[in-house]
Amino acid sequence: MRIATTTIFSLGSNALQMHQNTQAKLQAQLSANRRVLTPADDPIASARILDLAQAQSINGQYATNSATADSFMRLSESTLQQVTSTIQNVQELAVRAGNPALAASEKKMLDAELQGRYQELLGLANTTDGQGNYLFSGFKGDIKPFTEAAFGQVTYQGDDGKRLVQISDGRQLPISEAGSDIFQKIKNGNGTFVTAYNAANTGSGIVGPGEVTDPNKWALAPAPRDFSIQFQVLPDPANITKNITTYDLVNTTTGVSLIDGATVPRAAGTAFPRTYAEGADIEFKQLATDPVAIPVVPAWDYGIKTHVKGAPAASATSNDRFSVKTSTNVDLFSTLGALSSALNTYQSGSTGAAVFQNQLNTALSDLSNSLGSVVTRQAYLGARMNETDSVKDTTEDMKLQYTTTLTALEGLDYAAAISDFAENQMVLDATRKSFAQVQDLSLFKYI
């Protein structure tokens, strides 16, 4: 069989090129330590590798987002811890101010410390993350949340929104807090209703914060749930050298007694329906000992009670009274402003002491509620930080799984690749030598 010289050269060249290509591919695989270098190497595995690489990239971004969110929330939590400590310091100051041995000048000295605590709280409320983003401005991270018009008069400039960070496929985590929720939307009193003294009182009565005995009954009571406890002091008919203090529960909106339905004010010198006993419960419900009203007052029960200590007073023109109203929102800064005012306006005497103690009780109650609001927000932050920790663990697990799968798809069997490289090198060398010998089989060499 005759084989043309061109055919010999073509076959030899093709064989050399094929082995060189194989050698180059093996060398590239060994250099990259990857089996799949181009889609042509394994189309199915290549498509899967592309999907996994994208998922791995997204998973890495989620991990970065989680770390960012965790850092921001830890700064917020640390700031709220400082707020908690500051409120506790103010509570201690208020308790010290309640010492009856302190004179008016000494109470004013305590106000100097209170002023410093106030500025400290205002600074904490306007804390930034170091990059100009305010922690407690809601969604408006670039807006200073609290501005001060005067001492105790602070306005919130942020909003109620929350900045969200995507930490997983199905979870956007809120990382910011609305300052209004922390420092302003604080229920006064006991959180359900609030008791307060009347500035015109002349006696030494001090009203307690009260308690809710049945939340459902209070909720069902007709709005606006605005009442007053009014006192009367008259000579005891059995012993004119002594006085008897009586009281009435009045619907301030209608001006009608809850107890017997009488219109208030009553005729001068008229005793009120219930007898006052210092520190005893004043229950906002019908009692078996209440006088029979004509016409009959339907059975009623608002599910709350309070008490009064001291000696309420009454005169021909006025009666000491205390209000009982549904709790409303107060802010921490106005609470400190009211406490400062009480420290600066304290007057000696039984009436002045009663006025101050009522103011102090209100401040302590509001401070306690403020502290509860801050601690609640800390708990929310703690729960979300736990969530970021959980997500971090999940993303690390996913990263490991993606890496394992990618290694299985594109990973190179290094020992086999080196063996193939050596074998192909031997074949390539043999091909070169055989081609060199075959090309010498030309008859032209013997002419």
Protein backbone atom coordinates (compact mmCIF):
# COMPACT_ATOMS: atom_id res chain seq x y z
CA MET A 1 0.00 0.00 0.00
CA ARG A 2 1.35 3.37 -0.97
CA ILE A 3 1.10 6.27 1.47
CA ALA A 4 1.73 9.72 0.18
CA THR A 5 4.35 11.81 1.92
CA THR A 6 1.78 14.51 2.60
CA THR A 7 -0.40 11.97 4.37
CA ILE A 8 2.48 10.88 6.57
CA PHE A 9 3.18 14.48 7.50
CA SER A 10 -0.51 15.21 8.10
CA LEU A 11 -1.03 12.17 10.34
CA GLY A 12 2.13 12.92 12.30
CA SER A 13 1.23 16.56 12.72
CA ASN A 14 -2.32 15.72 13.90
CA ALA A 15 -1.02 13.19 16.41
CA LEU A 16 1.52 15.63 17.79
CA GLN A 17 -1.07 18.39 18.04
CA MET A 18 -3.56 16.09 19.79
CA HIS A 19 -1.03 14.98 22.40
CA GLN A 20 0.23 18.53 22.89
CA ASN A 21 -3.32 19.75 23.46
CA THR A 22 -3.92 16.97 25.96
CA GLN A 23 -0.65 17.80 27.68
CA ALA A 24 -1.52 21.51 27.83
CA LYS A 25 -4.96 20.72 29.28
CA LEU A 26 -3.48 18.42 31.93
CA GLN A 27 -0.89 21.05 32.80
CA ALA A 28 -3.61 23.73 33.15
CA GLN A 29 -5.69 21.43 35.36
CA LEU A 30 -2.70 20.74 37.57
CA SER A 31 -1.89 24.45 37.79
CA ALA A 32 -5.48 25.43 38.70
CA ASN A 33 -6.13 22.25 40.70
CA ARG A 34 -9.47 22.04 38.93
CA ARG A 35 -10.94 19.41 36.70
CA VAL A 36 -13.45 21.65 34.87
CA LEU A 37 -11.75 24.63 33.26
CA THR A 38 -14.23 25.39 30.49
CA PRO A 39 -17.86 24.37 29.89
CA ALA A 40 -16.58 22.02 27.17
CA ASP A 41 -14.82 19.93 29.81
CA ASP A 42 -18.16 18.91 31.41
CA PRO A 43 -21.25 20.89 30.31
CA ILE A 44 -23.56 19.52 33.03
CA ALA A 45 -21.05 20.01 35.83
CA SER A 46 -20.16 23.45 34.47
CA ALA A 47 -23.79 24.64 34.67
CA ARG A 48 -24.09 23.29 38.20
CA ILE A 49 -20.81 24.94 39.18
CA LEU A 50 -22.07 28.29 37.90
CA ASP A 51 -25.26 28.00 39.98
CA LEU A 52 -23.32 27.01 43.08
CA ALA A 53 -20.80 29.82 42.62
CA GLN A 54 -23.63 32.35 42.43
CA ALA A 55 -25.32 30.87 45.51
CA GLN A 56 -22.00 30.89 47.34
CA SER A 57 -21.50 34.56 46.48
CA ILE A 58 -24.99 35.46 47.74
CA ASN A 59 -24.40 33.43 50.88
CA GLY A 60 -21.17 35.34 51.46
CA GLN A 61 -23.06 38.64 51.14
CA TYR A 62 -25.62 37.44 53.67
CA ALA A 63 -22.77 36.69 56.06
CA THR A 64 -21.41 40.22 55.54
CA ASN A 65 -24.89 41.70 56.08
CA SER A 66 -25.33 39.70 59.28
CA ALA A 67 -22.01 40.94 60.63
CA THR A 68 -22.94 44.54 59.77
CA ALA A 69 -26.36 44.21 61.39
CA ASP A 70 -24.89 42.60 64.48
CA SER A 71 -22.31 45.37 64.85
CA PHE A 72 -24.96 48.10 64.57
CA MET A 73 -27.28 46.41 67.05
CA ARG A 74 -24.49 45.76 69.54
CA LEU A 75 -23.70 49.47 69.48
CA SER A 76 -27.40 50.24 70.04
CA GLU A 77 -27.59 47.73 72.88
CA SER A 78 -24.48 49.18 74.50
CA THR A 79 -25.94 52.68 74.25
CA LEU A 80 -29.23 51.55 75.79
CA GLN A 81 -27.29 49.95 78.62
CA GLN A 82 -25.79 53.37 79.34
CA VAL A 83 -29.29 54.88 79.20
CA THR A 84 -30.42 52.26 81.72
CA SER A 85 -27.58 53.14 84.07
CA THR A 86 -28.33 56.86 83.76
CA ILE A 87 -32.05 56.37 84.53
CA GLN A 88 -31.12 54.28 87.56
CA ASN A 89 -28.84 57.09 88.72
CA VAL A 90 -31.73 59.54 88.37
CA GLN A 91 -33.97 57.19 90.35
CA GLU A 92 -31.39 57.11 93.14
CA LEU A 93 -31.24 60.90 93.04
CA ALA A 94 -35.04 61.12 93.31
CA VAL A 95 -35.06 58.77 96.29
CA ARG A 96 -32.39 60.91 97.98
CA ALA A 97 -34.47 64.00 97.27
CA GLY A 98 -37.35 62.40 99.17
CA ASN A 99 -35.39 62.53 102.41
CA PRO A 100 -37.46 64.87 104.62
CA ALA A 101 -34.29 66.00 106.38
CA LEU A 102 -33.09 67.82 103.23
CA ALA A 103 -33.76 71.52 103.14
CA ALA A 104 -34.91 73.42 100.06
CA SER A 105 -31.34 74.55 99.31
CA GLU A 106 -30.10 70.96 99.43
CA LYS A 107 -32.81 69.83 97.02
CA LYS A 108 -31.68 72.54 94.61
CA MET A 109 -28.15 71.18 94.88
CA LEU A 110 -29.47 67.80 93.72
CA ASP A 111 -30.96 69.56 90.70
CA ALA A 112 -27.44 70.44 89.53
CA GLU A 113 -26.67 66.72 89.27
CA LEU A 114 -30.01 66.10 87.58
CA GLN A 115 -29.14 68.68 84.91
CA GLY A 116 -26.00 66.71 84.09
CA ARG A 117 -27.90 63.42 83.85
CA TYR A 118 -30.40 65.09 81.55
CA GLN A 119 -27.68 66.23 79.14
CA GLU A 120 -26.13 62.77 79.30
CA LEU A 121 -29.43 61.16 78.30
CA LEU A 122 -29.95 63.65 75.47
CA GLY A 123 -26.49 62.86 74.14
CA LEU A 124 -27.12 59.12 74.30
CA ALA A 125 -30.45 59.56 72.49
CA ASN A 126 -28.55 61.29 69.64
CA THR A 127 -25.76 58.70 69.38
CA THR A 128 -24.38 57.84 65.92
CA ASP A 129 -22.65 54.72 64.65
CA GLY A 130 -19.44 56.61 63.84
CA GLN A 131 -20.39 56.98 60.19
CA GLY A 132 -23.01 59.67 60.68
CA ASN A 133 -26.00 57.33 61.02
CA TYR A 134 -28.11 58.01 64.11
CA LEU A 135 -29.06 54.92 66.08
CA PHE A 136 -32.48 56.07 67.24
CA SER A 137 -33.95 58.11 64.36
CA GLY A 138 -35.96 55.27 62.83
CA PHE A 139 -35.63 55.09 59.06
CA LYS A 140 -34.14 58.59 58.86
CA GLY A 141 -30.61 57.60 59.73
CA ASP A 142 -29.15 60.95 58.64
CA ILE A 143 -31.55 63.06 60.75
CA LYS A 144 -30.68 64.05 64.32
CA PRO A 145 -33.54 62.43 66.24
CA PHE A 146 -33.96 64.75 69.25
CA THR A 147 -33.79 68.54 69.33
CA GLU A 148 -34.21 70.62 72.46
CA ALA A 149 -36.34 73.78 72.63
CA ALA A 150 -35.86 74.25 76.37
CA PHE A 151 -34.96 72.15 79.38
CA GLY A 152 -37.38 69.22 79.43
CA GLN A 153 -38.91 70.19 76.07
CA VAL A 154 -37.50 67.83 73.46
CA THR A 155 -38.95 67.13 70.02
CA TYR A 156 -38.47 63.93 68.04
CA GLN A 157 -37.41 64.58 64.43
CA GLY A 158 -37.10 60.97 63.28
CA ASP A 159 -39.87 58.63 62.21
CA ASP A 160 -41.33 55.31 63.34
CA GLY A 161 -39.69 53.30 60.55
CA LYS A 162 -36.89 50.79 60.92
CA ARG A 163 -33.93 50.18 58.65
CA LEU A 164 -33.88 46.60 57.37
CA VAL A 165 -30.94 44.40 56.40
CA GLN A 166 -31.33 41.22 54.34
CA ILE A 167 -29.58 38.47 56.28
CA SER A 168 -31.06 35.43 54.49
CA ASP A 169 -33.36 34.55 51.62
CA GLY A 170 -36.49 35.01 53.67
CA ARG A 171 -35.45 37.40 56.44
CA GLN A 172 -35.02 41.15 56.54
CA LEU A 173 -33.84 42.10 60.01
CA PRO A 174 -34.68 45.52 61.51
CA ILE A 175 -31.49 46.99 62.94
CA SER A 176 -32.53 50.52 63.93
CA GLU A 177 -34.92 51.72 66.62
CA ALA A 178 -37.41 54.57 66.62
CA GLY A 179 -36.36 56.93 69.39
CA SER A 180 -40.00 57.83 70.02
CA ASP A 181 -40.66 54.23 71.14
CA ILE A 182 -37.77 54.33 73.60
CA PHE A 183 -37.83 57.84 75.01
CA GLN A 184 -41.30 59.23 74.34
CA LYS A 185 -44.08 56.66 74.10
CA ILE A 186 -43.95 55.82 77.79
CA LYS A 187 -47.21 55.22 79.63
CA ASN A 188 -47.50 57.23 82.83
CA GLY A 189 -48.98 56.03 86.10
CA ASN A 190 -49.14 52.27 86.39
CA GLY A 191 -49.49 51.88 82.62
CA THR A 192 -53.29 51.60 82.78
CA PHE A 193 -54.34 54.64 84.76
CA VAL A 194 -52.57 57.53 86.44
CA THR A 195 -53.34 59.28 89.70
CA ALA A 196 -52.37 62.90 90.33
CA TYR A 197 -52.76 65.55 93.00
CA ASN A 198 -54.56 68.85 92.53
CA ALA A 199 -52.31 71.91 92.74
CA ALA A 200 -55.01 73.65 94.81
CA ASN A 201 -54.94 71.04 97.58
CA THR A 202 -54.21 72.41 101.04
CA GLY A 203 -53.97 69.18 103.05
CA SER A 204 -51.18 66.64 103.41
CA GLY A 205 -52.80 63.87 101.38
CA ILE A 206 -50.53 61.78 99.18
CA VAL A 207 -52.17 59.59 96.56
CA GLY A 208 -50.77 56.16 95.65
CA PRO A 209 -50.16 54.96 92.08
CA GLY A 210 -53.04 52.50 92.32
CA GLU A 211 -53.40 49.07 90.82
CA VAL A 212 -55.62 47.26 88.36
CA THR A 213 -57.67 44.46 89.89
CA ASP A 214 -59.48 43.50 86.68
CA PRO A 215 -58.09 44.80 83.33
CA ASN A 216 -61.22 43.72 81.44
CA LYS A 217 -63.54 45.77 83.64
CA TRP A 218 -61.37 48.85 83.24
CA ALA A 219 -61.26 48.35 79.46
CA LEU A 220 -65.06 48.09 79.33
CA ALA A 221 -65.64 51.18 81.47
CA PRO A 222 -67.21 54.05 79.49
CA ALA A 223 -64.72 56.46 77.96
CA PRO A 224 -63.07 58.82 78.67
CA ARG A 225 -62.54 57.27 82.15
CA ASP A 226 -61.77 60.59 83.82
CA PHE A 227 -62.51 60.55 87.56
CA SER A 228 -61.62 62.38 90.75
CA ILE A 229 -61.48 61.47 94.41
CA GLN A 230 -62.92 64.39 96.37
CA PHE A 231 -62.72 64.84 100.13
CA GLN A 232 -64.92 66.52 102.75
CA VAL A 233 -63.96 67.25 106.36
CA LEU A 234 -66.80 67.91 108.86
CA PRO A 235 -67.21 67.76 112.65
CA ASP A 236 -68.14 64.34 114.03
CA PRO A 237 -71.79 64.52 115.15
CA ALA A 238 -70.99 62.13 117.98
CA ASN A 239 -68.01 64.18 119.16
CA ILE A 240 -67.76 67.74 117.90
CA THR A 241 -64.14 67.99 119.04
CA LYS A 242 -63.18 65.57 116.31
CA ASN A 243 -63.58 65.63 112.56
CA ILE A 244 -64.69 62.95 110.13
CA THR A 245 -63.17 62.87 106.63
CA THR A 246 -65.37 61.47 103.89
CA TYR A 247 -64.80 61.09 100.17
CA ASP A 248 -66.66 60.76 96.90
CA LEU A 249 -65.77 59.22 93.53
CA VAL A 250 -66.84 61.60 90.80
CA ASN A 251 -67.12 61.25 87.04
CA THR A 252 -65.31 64.45 86.06
CA THR A 253 -66.87 64.49 82.60
CA THR A 254 -70.49 64.43 83.81
CA GLY A 255 -70.02 65.90 87.29
CA VAL A 256 -71.99 63.03 88.84
CA SER A 257 -71.03 60.82 91.80
CA LEU A 258 -70.28 57.24 90.84
CA ILE A 259 -71.40 56.11 94.29
CA ASP A 260 -74.89 57.58 94.68
CA GLY A 261 -75.54 59.45 91.44
CA ALA A 262 -75.68 62.85 93.14
CA THR A 263 -74.71 65.96 91.20
CA VAL A 264 -71.40 67.49 92.28
CA PRO A 265 -70.69 69.86 93.95
CA ARG A 266 -73.01 68.92 96.78
CA ALA A 267 -74.64 71.34 99.16
CA ALA A 268 -72.26 72.97 101.63
CA GLY A 269 -71.73 71.02 104.82
CA THR A 270 -72.84 67.73 103.27
CA ALA A 271 -70.86 64.61 104.11
CA PHE A 272 -69.65 62.46 101.21
CA PRO A 273 -70.82 58.84 100.71
CA ARG A 274 -67.75 56.98 102.00
CA THR A 275 -65.65 57.39 105.14
CA TYR A 276 -61.93 57.94 104.62
CA ALA A 277 -59.39 55.77 106.42
CA GLU A 278 -55.73 56.62 105.84
CA GLY A 279 -54.00 54.06 103.62
CA ALA A 280 -57.17 51.99 103.11
CA ASP A 281 -58.15 50.87 99.61
CA ILE A 282 -60.28 53.29 97.64
CA GLU A 283 -62.07 50.91 95.29
CA PHE A 284 -63.73 52.05 92.10
CA LYS A 285 -66.69 49.73 92.43
CA GLN A 286 -69.98 49.51 94.26
CA LEU A 287 -69.58 48.40 97.88
CA ALA A 288 -72.08 46.78 100.16
CA THR A 289 -71.56 49.63 102.63
CA ASP A 290 -72.40 52.34 100.08
CA PRO A 291 -75.59 54.32 100.82
CA VAL A 292 -78.66 53.35 98.83
CA ALA A 293 -79.02 55.88 96.05
CA ILE A 294 -82.35 57.28 94.92
CA PRO A 295 -82.79 56.67 92.09
CA VAL A 296 -80.81 53.45 92.39
CA VAL A 297 -77.38 53.49 90.75
CA PRO A 298 -76.79 50.30 88.68
CA ALA A 299 -74.05 48.02 89.99
CA TRP A 300 -70.68 49.20 88.74
CA ASP A 301 -67.07 48.04 88.91
CA TYR A 302 -64.17 49.63 87.02
CA GLY A 303 -61.62 47.07 88.19
CA ILE A 304 -59.15 49.50 89.83
CA LYS A 305 -58.24 50.78 93.26
CA THR A 306 -55.84 53.17 94.94
CA HIS A 307 -55.22 54.69 98.36
CA VAL A 308 -54.40 58.01 99.98
CA LYS A 309 -52.12 58.65 102.93
CA GLY A 310 -51.99 61.73 105.07
CA ALA A 311 -54.80 64.16 105.92
CA PRO A 312 -56.73 65.63 103.00
CA ALA A 313 -58.28 69.00 103.81
CA ALA A 314 -61.49 70.80 102.92
CA SER A 315 -62.85 74.30 103.33
CA ALA A 316 -66.06 76.14 102.65
CA THR A 317 -64.87 76.94 99.14
CA SER A 318 -62.76 73.95 98.09
CA ASN A 319 -62.13 70.29 98.71
CA ASP A 320 -58.86 68.43 98.27
CA ARG A 321 -59.06 66.12 95.32
CA PHE A 322 -56.96 63.70 93.29
CA SER A 323 -57.54 62.79 89.66
CA VAL A 324 -57.71 59.27 88.22
CA LYS A 325 -57.37 59.10 84.44
CA THR A 326 -56.41 56.68 81.70
CA SER A 327 -52.64 56.53 81.25
CA THR A 328 -51.21 58.62 78.45
CA ASN A 329 -47.77 58.82 76.85
CA VAL A 330 -45.07 60.92 78.50
CA ASP A 331 -41.43 61.31 77.47
CA LEU A 332 -38.34 60.78 79.56
CA PHE A 333 -37.06 64.32 79.09
CA SER A 334 -40.25 65.99 80.31
CA THR A 335 -40.18 63.64 83.32
CA LEU A 336 -36.73 64.94 84.21
CA GLY A 337 -37.96 68.48 83.59
CA ALA A 338 -40.86 67.98 86.01
CA LEU A 339 -38.53 66.51 88.62
CA SER A 340 -36.18 69.49 88.24
CA SER A 341 -39.11 71.86 88.73
CA ALA A 342 -40.16 69.98 91.89
CA LEU A 343 -36.64 70.24 93.31
CA ASN A 344 -36.52 73.97 92.66
CA THR A 345 -40.01 74.85 93.95
CA TYR A 346 -40.01 72.83 97.16
CA GLN A 347 -41.61 74.63 100.10
CA SER A 348 -41.40 73.60 103.74
CA GLY A 349 -44.48 72.75 105.79
CA SER A 350 -46.92 69.87 105.71
CA THR A 351 -48.69 71.11 102.57
CA GLY A 352 -45.42 71.78 100.75
CA ALA A 353 -44.08 68.38 101.77
CA ALA A 354 -47.25 66.70 100.48
CA VAL A 355 -47.05 68.57 97.17
CA PHE A 356 -43.40 67.61 96.75
CA GLN A 357 -44.00 63.97 97.68
CA ASN A 358 -46.82 63.70 95.14
CA GLN A 359 -44.54 65.20 92.48
CA LEU A 360 -41.75 62.85 93.51
CA ASN A 361 -44.02 59.82 93.37
CA THR A 362 -45.13 60.79 89.86
CA ALA A 363 -41.50 61.20 88.75
CA LEU A 364 -40.45 57.87 90.26
CA SER A 365 -43.37 56.11 88.60
CA ASP A 366 -42.57 57.65 85.21
CA LEU A 367 -38.87 56.86 85.62
CA SER A 368 -39.71 53.25 86.41
CA ASN A 369 -41.88 53.07 83.28
CA SER A 370 -39.09 54.68 81.24
CA LEU A 371 -36.65 52.11 82.52
CA GLY A 372 -39.07 49.35 81.58
CA SER A 373 -39.35 50.79 78.07
CA VAL A 374 -35.57 50.83 77.61
CA VAL A 375 -35.13 47.32 79.01
CA THR A 376 -37.86 46.06 76.68
CA ARG A 377 -36.01 47.50 73.69
CA GLN A 378 -32.80 45.91 74.91
CA ALA A 379 -34.61 42.58 75.01
CA TYR A 380 -35.79 43.06 71.42
CA LEU A 381 -32.24 43.88 70.34
CA GLY A 382 -30.91 40.85 72.21
CA ALA A 383 -33.39 38.59 70.43
CA ARG A 384 -32.38 39.98 67.05
CA MET A 385 -28.67 39.64 67.87
CA ASN A 386 -29.32 36.00 68.74
CA GLU A 387 -30.95 35.69 65.35
CA THR A 388 -27.90 37.10 63.59
CA ASP A 389 -25.73 34.61 65.50
CA SER A 390 -27.99 31.80 64.32
CA VAL A 391 -27.87 33.08 60.75
CA LYS A 392 -24.07 33.27 60.94
CA ASP A 393 -23.95 29.61 61.91
CA THR A 394 -26.31 28.77 59.05
CA THR A 395 -24.31 30.74 56.47
CA GLU A 396 -21.10 29.05 57.64
CA ASP A 397 -22.76 25.66 57.24
CA MET A 398 -23.99 26.62 53.77
CA LYS A 399 -20.51 27.87 52.86
CA LEU A 400 -19.05 24.50 53.83
CA GLN A 401 -21.71 22.64 51.87
CA TYR A 402 -21.20 24.78 48.78
CA THR A 403 -17.42 24.32 49.00
CA THR A 404 -17.78 20.57 49.38
CA THR A 405 -20.15 20.31 46.43
CA LEU A 406 -17.97 22.53 44.23
CA THR A 407 -14.93 20.47 45.12
CA ALA A 408 -16.77 17.32 44.14
CA LEU A 409 -17.85 18.85 40.81
CA GLU A 410 -14.66 20.61 39.73
CA GLY A 411 -12.07 19.14 42.05
CA LEU A 412 -9.08 17.41 40.51
CA ASP A 413 -7.82 13.97 41.39
CA TYR A 414 -4.25 15.14 41.71
CA ALA A 415 -2.61 11.71 41.69
CA ALA A 416 -4.55 10.60 38.62
CA ALA A 417 -3.84 13.88 36.83
CA ILE A 418 -0.08 13.59 37.48
CA SER A 419 -0.15 9.98 36.25
CA ASP A 420 -2.03 11.02 33.10
CA PHE A 421 0.38 13.90 32.57
CA ALA A 422 3.40 11.59 32.81
CA GLU A 423 1.78 9.00 30.56
CA ASN A 424 0.81 11.58 27.93
CA GLN A 425 4.32 13.04 28.11
CA MET A 426 5.73 9.60 27.35
CA VAL A 427 3.30 9.14 24.45
CA LEU A 428 4.12 12.62 23.12
CA ASP A 429 7.82 11.85 23.23
CA ALA A 430 7.22 8.53 21.43
CA THR A 431 5.08 10.30 18.83
CA ARG A 432 7.84 12.81 18.17
CA LYS A 433 10.45 10.06 17.78
CA SER A 434 8.26 7.85 15.57
CA PHE A 435 7.34 10.84 13.40
CA ALA A 436 11.00 11.64 12.99
CA GLN A 437 11.70 8.08 11.86
CA VAL A 438 8.66 7.82 9.58
CA GLN A 439 9.49 11.05 7.78
CA ASP A 440 12.87 9.47 6.84
CA LEU A 441 11.06 6.78 4.76
CA SER A 442 10.99 9.02 1.69
CA LEU A 443 12.61 7.64 -1.56
CA PHE A 444 14.01 11.06 -2.23
CA LYS A 445 16.50 10.39 0.52
CA TYR A 446 18.11 7.65 -1.61
CA ILE A 447 18.29 9.48 -4.93
